[in-house]
Amino acid sequence: MTGAARPTGLGRVPQPGLTVPCPHCRATVGNACTIPANGRRLAAPHPSRVDAAAAIQ
């Protein structure tokens, strides 16, 4: 390891929906959305959460 800075564009792209709490499943900021019925984590945030994040920006 050289300790060099990571080039821009490498690594995970943060999901913009994770900057606000989810109004559908009540997931907190920074946590993935879940299915309320069984608690399984979703790969993408709920559409209502993405809309809420877009409304803030």
C-alpha atoms as a PDB file:
ATOM      1  CA  MET A   1       0.000   0.000   0.000  1.00  0.00           C
ATOM      2  CA  THR A   2       1.332   3.374  -0.970  1.00  0.00           C
ATOM      3  CA  GLY A   3      -1.207   5.479   0.883  1.00  0.00           C
ATOM      4  CA  ALA A   4      -2.053   7.327  -2.331  1.00  0.00           C
ATOM      5  CA  ALA A   5      -5.438   8.970  -2.648  1.00  0.00           C
ATOM      6  CA  ARG A   6      -8.130   6.988  -4.413  1.00  0.00           C
ATOM      7  CA  PRO A   7      -8.922   8.365  -7.868  1.00  0.00           C
ATOM      8  CA  THR A   8     -12.314  10.004  -8.259  1.00  0.00           C
ATOM      9  CA  GLY A   9     -14.963   7.689  -9.628  1.00  0.00           C
ATOM     10  CA  LEU A  10     -13.718   4.484  -8.022  1.00  0.00           C
ATOM     11  CA  GLY A  11     -15.618   2.690  -5.304  1.00  0.00           C
ATOM     12  CA  ARG A  12     -19.296   2.538  -4.483  1.00  0.00           C
ATOM     13  CA  VAL A  13     -21.531   5.298  -5.713  1.00  0.00           C
ATOM     14  CA  PRO A  14     -23.603   6.588  -2.797  1.00  0.00           C
ATOM     15  CA  GLN A  15     -27.345   6.304  -3.275  1.00  0.00           C
ATOM     16  CA  PRO A  16     -28.945   9.750  -3.051  1.00  0.00           C
ATOM     17  CA  GLY A  17     -32.046   8.323  -1.385  1.00  0.00           C
ATOM     18  CA  LEU A  18     -30.079   7.376   1.723  1.00  0.00           C
ATOM     19  CA  THR A  19     -29.655  11.026   2.754  1.00  0.00           C
ATOM     20  CA  VAL A  20     -33.201  11.185   4.184  1.00  0.00           C
ATOM     21  CA  PRO A  21     -35.284   8.800   6.313  1.00  0.00           C
ATOM     22  CA  CYS A  22     -37.715   6.591   4.392  1.00  0.00           C
ATOM     23  CA  PRO A  23     -41.381   7.577   4.741  1.00  0.00           C
ATOM     24  CA  HIS A  24     -42.480   4.081   3.660  1.00  0.00           C
ATOM     25  CA  CYS A  25     -40.473   1.667   5.825  1.00  0.00           C
ATOM     26  CA  ARG A  26     -39.120   4.157   8.404  1.00  0.00           C
ATOM     27  CA  ALA A  27     -35.461   3.331   7.652  1.00  0.00           C
ATOM     28  CA  THR A  28     -33.153   5.909   9.225  1.00  0.00           C
ATOM     29  CA  VAL A  29     -30.667   8.087   7.337  1.00  0.00           C
ATOM     30  CA  GLY A  30     -27.835   6.028   5.871  1.00  0.00           C
ATOM     31  CA  ASN A  31     -29.582   2.657   6.334  1.00  0.00           C
ATOM     32  CA  ALA A  32     -31.030   0.569   3.529  1.00  0.00           C
ATOM     33  CA  CYS A  33     -34.783   0.350   3.033  1.00  0.00           C
ATOM     34  CA  THR A  34     -36.528  -2.807   4.154  1.00  0.00           C
ATOM     35  CA  ILE A  35     -39.733  -4.622   3.326  1.00  0.00           C
ATOM     36  CA  PRO A  36     -42.024  -3.765   6.258  1.00  0.00           C
ATOM     37  CA  ALA A  37     -43.750  -7.176   6.207  1.00  0.00           C
ATOM     38  CA  ASN A  38     -40.620  -9.279   6.698  1.00  0.00           C
ATOM     39  CA  GLY A  39     -37.707  -6.890   7.354  1.00  0.00           C
ATOM     40  CA  ARG A  40     -35.674  -7.976   4.307  1.00  0.00           C
ATOM     41  CA  ARG A  41     -33.255  -5.308   3.084  1.00  0.00           C
ATOM     42  CA  LEU A  42     -33.748  -3.874  -0.400  1.00  0.00           C
ATOM     43  CA  ALA A  43     -30.976  -3.248  -2.928  1.00  0.00           C
ATOM     44  CA  ALA A  44     -32.472   0.126  -3.911  1.00  0.00           C
ATOM     45  CA  PRO A  45     -34.364   2.669  -1.797  1.00  0.00           C
ATOM     46  CA  HIS A  46     -38.149   2.989  -2.024  1.00  0.00           C
ATOM     47  CA  PRO A  47     -39.297   5.467  -4.724  1.00  0.00           C
ATOM     48  CA  SER A  48     -40.929   7.669  -2.073  1.00  0.00           C
ATOM     49  CA  ARG A  49     -37.545   7.988  -0.328  1.00  0.00           C
ATOM     50  CA  VAL A  50     -35.837   9.002  -3.578  1.00  0.00           C
ATOM     51  CA  ASP A  51     -38.587  11.578  -4.182  1.00  0.00           C
ATOM     52  CA  ALA A  52     -38.141  12.957  -0.657  1.00  0.00           C
ATOM     53  CA  ALA A  53     -34.383  13.319  -1.215  1.00  0.00           C
ATOM     54  CA  ALA A  54     -34.957  15.087  -4.536  1.00  0.00           C
ATOM     55  CA  ALA A  55     -37.393  17.505  -2.906  1.00  0.00           C
ATOM     56  CA  ILE A  56     -34.726  18.597  -0.420  1.00  0.00           C
ATOM     57  CA  GLN A  57     -32.078  19.304  -3.059  1.00  0.00           C
END
